[in-house]
Every structure is written in C-alpha cells, then in structure tokens.
Amino acid sequence: MMNKYKFDITWSAEDEGFIAICPEFSGLSAFGKTRAKALGEAEIALKLFIESYVEDGEQLPEPQTVQNYSGQIRLRLPKSLHARAAKMAAEDAVSLNQYISLAVEARTSGQEVGRRISREVKDQLVYLKPQYRRIEHLRMTSGDTSEVIQRANTGSEYAN
C-alpha cells in the first residue's frame, strides 16, 4: 500500500534544500539536500505514518490516482443563460459547444496568468533593495514583560 502514495518535491530557498510532502497525509514532510534524499526521508516518514494509523485503528487515506477525462461533460444552465450563450455563439458563427469550450479556456487561462503575476509580485517584494525597506521597532508589552519586535515596511512610498 505504501508505494501507491504520491510525493511532491519542491525546492526551498529558505532551507537550501528540497522538501518532499505526501498530500494524502497532512503534516508529512521531509527535507533533503538532494531530491533523492528528500524522497528517501519522506518514504521513511510515510512508513511511520502508516504504522501509526494502523496502530491507532485509523483508516488510511485513499491514494491519489491518475484521472482520465473523456472530454465530455453534462452541463445544466438556467434557460436564460442558455439562450444568451446560444445567441452569442450564433453571432460568432460557432457552435454552442465550441463557444462554451472557448469561454472555459479563456477563464482558466486568465486565472493561471493571474496566479503567475501574483507569484512574481510576491517574489519581487521579497527582493526589494534594503534601502527601500524601513524597519519599524515596535515595543510589545504583556504583563511584566516587554520585547522589541522589528517589522519590515515595504510600502510603495519606498519604491523607485
């Protein structure tokens, strides 16, 4: 059963190594300086996770499997939306099926582009030049204790 579970392996710049996770088991992750080492450590962790589940009488999660898609779906629409879509397809001189396919493609492509842009913006914020960061010192007081916390402010007022 163990060899049916999938592992995702990603590079961690912060840890300077690879992190392997098994999506079916929340909390299972392993580190390695190489992909092979991360995978090996994750396989050991998975074995221990499975043993723990069995000892506790818990049911093991179902392994993810490859999904096969036929390319066909059954779609129900409100009558008014169906009519508008059919009218627009006719105006574009395409079938309703092709019109809906193009609409789904446009929506999914747009969302992927949005995710990529969002990731790039976040990555760029991490690499802002130090002279454009302002460090704020905040004093946190709780009961008898007090500590100073530094917080980086990367607001737009520091951009070129």
Protein backbone atom coordinates (compact mmCIF):
# COMPACT_ATOMS: atom_id res chain seq x y z
CA MET A 1 0.00 0.00 0.00
CA MET A 2 2.87 2.39 0.82
CA ASN A 3 4.16 2.60 -2.74
CA LYS A 4 0.80 3.85 -4.05
CA TYR A 5 1.11 7.28 -2.41
CA LYS A 6 2.46 10.24 -4.35
CA PHE A 7 5.14 12.68 -3.24
CA ASP A 8 5.54 16.31 -4.29
CA ILE A 9 9.12 17.59 -4.12
CA THR A 10 9.90 21.30 -4.21
CA TRP A 11 12.97 23.43 -3.68
CA SER A 12 13.07 25.57 -0.53
CA ALA A 13 15.39 28.57 -0.87
CA GLU A 14 14.93 29.30 2.83
CA ASP A 15 16.09 25.82 3.84
CA GLU A 16 18.53 25.47 0.93
CA GLY A 17 17.27 22.02 0.09
CA PHE A 18 14.31 20.03 -1.12
CA ILE A 19 11.07 19.44 0.76
CA ALA A 20 9.02 16.32 -0.02
CA ILE A 21 5.40 16.05 1.06
CA CYS A 22 2.75 13.39 0.68
CA PRO A 23 -0.55 15.24 0.00
CA GLU A 24 -2.70 12.43 1.39
CA PHE A 25 -1.09 12.69 4.84
CA SER A 26 -1.41 16.14 6.37
CA GLY A 27 1.77 17.10 8.18
CA LEU A 28 4.05 14.62 6.42
CA SER A 29 7.09 16.42 5.06
CA ALA A 30 10.76 15.60 4.79
CA PHE A 31 13.91 17.53 3.97
CA GLY A 32 16.93 16.61 1.90
CA LYS A 33 19.84 18.42 0.27
CA THR A 34 19.00 16.48 -2.92
CA ARG A 35 15.70 15.35 -4.43
CA ALA A 36 16.67 11.73 -3.83
CA LYS A 37 17.49 12.38 -0.16
CA ALA A 38 14.21 14.27 0.40
CA LEU A 39 12.27 11.44 -1.26
CA GLY A 40 14.10 8.81 0.81
CA GLU A 41 13.34 10.67 4.04
CA ALA A 42 9.70 11.10 3.01
CA GLU A 43 9.37 7.37 2.34
CA ILE A 44 10.67 6.65 5.85
CA ALA A 45 8.20 9.18 7.29
CA LEU A 46 5.36 7.65 5.26
CA LYS A 47 6.15 4.19 6.62
CA LEU A 48 5.97 5.59 10.17
CA PHE A 49 2.72 7.44 9.41
CA ILE A 50 1.12 4.26 8.06
CA GLU A 51 2.29 2.26 11.10
CA SER A 52 0.81 4.92 13.38
CA TYR A 53 -2.53 4.88 11.54
CA VAL A 54 -2.70 1.08 11.75
CA GLU A 55 -1.78 1.06 15.47
CA ASP A 56 -4.46 3.67 16.19
CA GLY A 57 -7.06 1.81 14.13
CA GLU A 58 -7.46 4.75 11.77
CA GLN A 59 -8.39 4.25 8.14
CA LEU A 60 -5.61 5.12 5.69
CA PRO A 61 -6.36 7.85 3.17
CA GLU A 62 -7.05 6.70 -0.38
CA PRO A 63 -4.03 7.19 -2.65
CA GLN A 64 -4.50 9.76 -5.40
CA THR A 65 -4.90 8.15 -8.79
CA VAL A 66 -4.49 9.36 -12.34
CA GLN A 67 -7.71 10.88 -13.59
CA ASN A 68 -8.82 10.02 -17.10
CA TYR A 69 -11.06 12.58 -18.74
CA SER A 70 -13.35 11.79 -21.66
CA GLY A 71 -13.60 15.40 -22.80
CA GLN A 72 -17.35 15.30 -22.30
CA ILE A 73 -19.37 16.90 -19.51
CA ARG A 74 -23.04 17.30 -18.91
CA LEU A 75 -23.85 20.90 -18.10
CA ARG A 76 -27.11 22.35 -16.84
CA LEU A 77 -27.73 26.06 -17.29
CA PRO A 78 -30.62 28.35 -16.42
CA LYS A 79 -32.78 28.80 -19.52
CA SER A 80 -31.94 32.49 -19.79
CA LEU A 81 -28.18 31.83 -19.70
CA HIS A 82 -28.54 29.01 -22.24
CA ALA A 83 -30.42 31.40 -24.56
CA ARG A 84 -27.82 34.18 -24.19
CA ALA A 85 -24.93 31.75 -24.80
CA ALA A 86 -26.64 30.28 -27.87
CA LYS A 87 -27.27 33.79 -29.24
CA MET A 88 -23.65 34.82 -28.71
CA ALA A 89 -22.37 31.58 -30.29
CA ALA A 90 -24.55 32.25 -33.34
CA GLU A 91 -23.23 35.83 -33.54
CA ASP A 92 -19.68 34.43 -33.52
CA ALA A 93 -20.63 31.78 -36.08
CA VAL A 94 -19.53 28.89 -33.85
CA SER A 95 -21.42 26.03 -32.26
CA LEU A 96 -22.66 26.39 -28.70
CA ASN A 97 -20.27 23.60 -27.70
CA GLN A 98 -17.29 25.45 -29.20
CA TYR A 99 -18.44 28.74 -27.64
CA ILE A 100 -18.61 27.18 -24.16
CA SER A 101 -15.23 25.47 -24.68
CA LEU A 102 -13.64 28.80 -25.62
CA ALA A 103 -15.25 30.51 -22.61
CA VAL A 104 -13.92 27.85 -20.22
CA GLU A 105 -10.47 28.04 -21.83
CA ALA A 106 -10.39 31.83 -21.53
CA ARG A 107 -11.43 31.70 -17.87
CA THR A 108 -8.92 29.02 -16.86
CA SER A 109 -6.09 30.64 -18.83
CA GLY A 110 -6.85 34.02 -17.27
CA GLN A 111 -6.78 32.61 -13.76
CA GLU A 112 -3.44 30.92 -14.40
CA VAL A 113 -1.96 34.17 -15.71
CA GLY A 114 -3.30 35.95 -12.61
CA ARG A 115 -1.65 33.37 -10.32
CA ARG A 116 1.68 33.75 -12.13
CA ILE A 117 1.59 37.53 -11.87
CA SER A 118 0.69 37.34 -8.20
CA ARG A 119 3.62 34.97 -7.51
CA GLU A 120 6.03 37.24 -9.41
CA VAL A 121 4.90 40.32 -7.47
CA LYS A 122 5.32 38.49 -4.16
CA ASP A 123 8.78 37.27 -5.22
CA GLN A 124 9.82 40.80 -6.16
CA LEU A 125 8.68 42.18 -2.80
CA VAL A 126 11.00 39.72 -1.06
CA TYR A 127 13.96 41.01 -3.05
CA LEU A 128 13.38 44.75 -2.53
CA LYS A 129 16.65 46.58 -2.04
CA PRO A 130 17.35 47.20 1.66
CA GLN A 131 17.41 50.99 1.16
CA TYR A 132 13.74 50.76 0.18
CA ARG A 133 12.76 48.94 3.36
CA ARG A 134 12.01 50.73 6.57
CA ILE A 135 12.44 48.80 9.77
CA GLU A 136 9.98 49.73 12.47
CA HIS A 137 10.78 48.89 16.07
CA LEU A 138 7.64 48.00 17.96
CA ARG A 139 7.61 47.57 21.71
CA MET A 140 5.21 44.84 22.75
CA THR A 141 4.19 44.84 26.41
CA SER A 142 2.37 41.98 28.05
CA GLY A 143 2.08 41.89 31.82
CA ASP A 144 5.57 42.24 33.30
CA THR A 145 7.43 41.52 30.07
CA SER A 146 8.36 43.78 27.19
CA GLU A 147 10.08 42.97 23.94
CA VAL A 148 11.12 44.84 20.82
CA ILE A 149 9.95 43.46 17.51
CA GLN A 150 11.30 44.56 14.13
CA ARG A 151 8.87 44.77 11.27
CA ALA A 152 9.89 45.50 7.70
CA ASN A 153 7.69 48.01 5.93
CA THR A 154 7.88 47.62 2.16
CA GLY A 155 5.18 50.13 1.28
CA SER A 156 5.02 51.80 -2.11
CA GLU A 157 6.41 55.08 -0.69
CA TYR A 158 9.87 53.38 -0.76
CA ALA A 159 9.73 52.28 -4.37
CA ASN A 160 11.76 53.98 -7.10
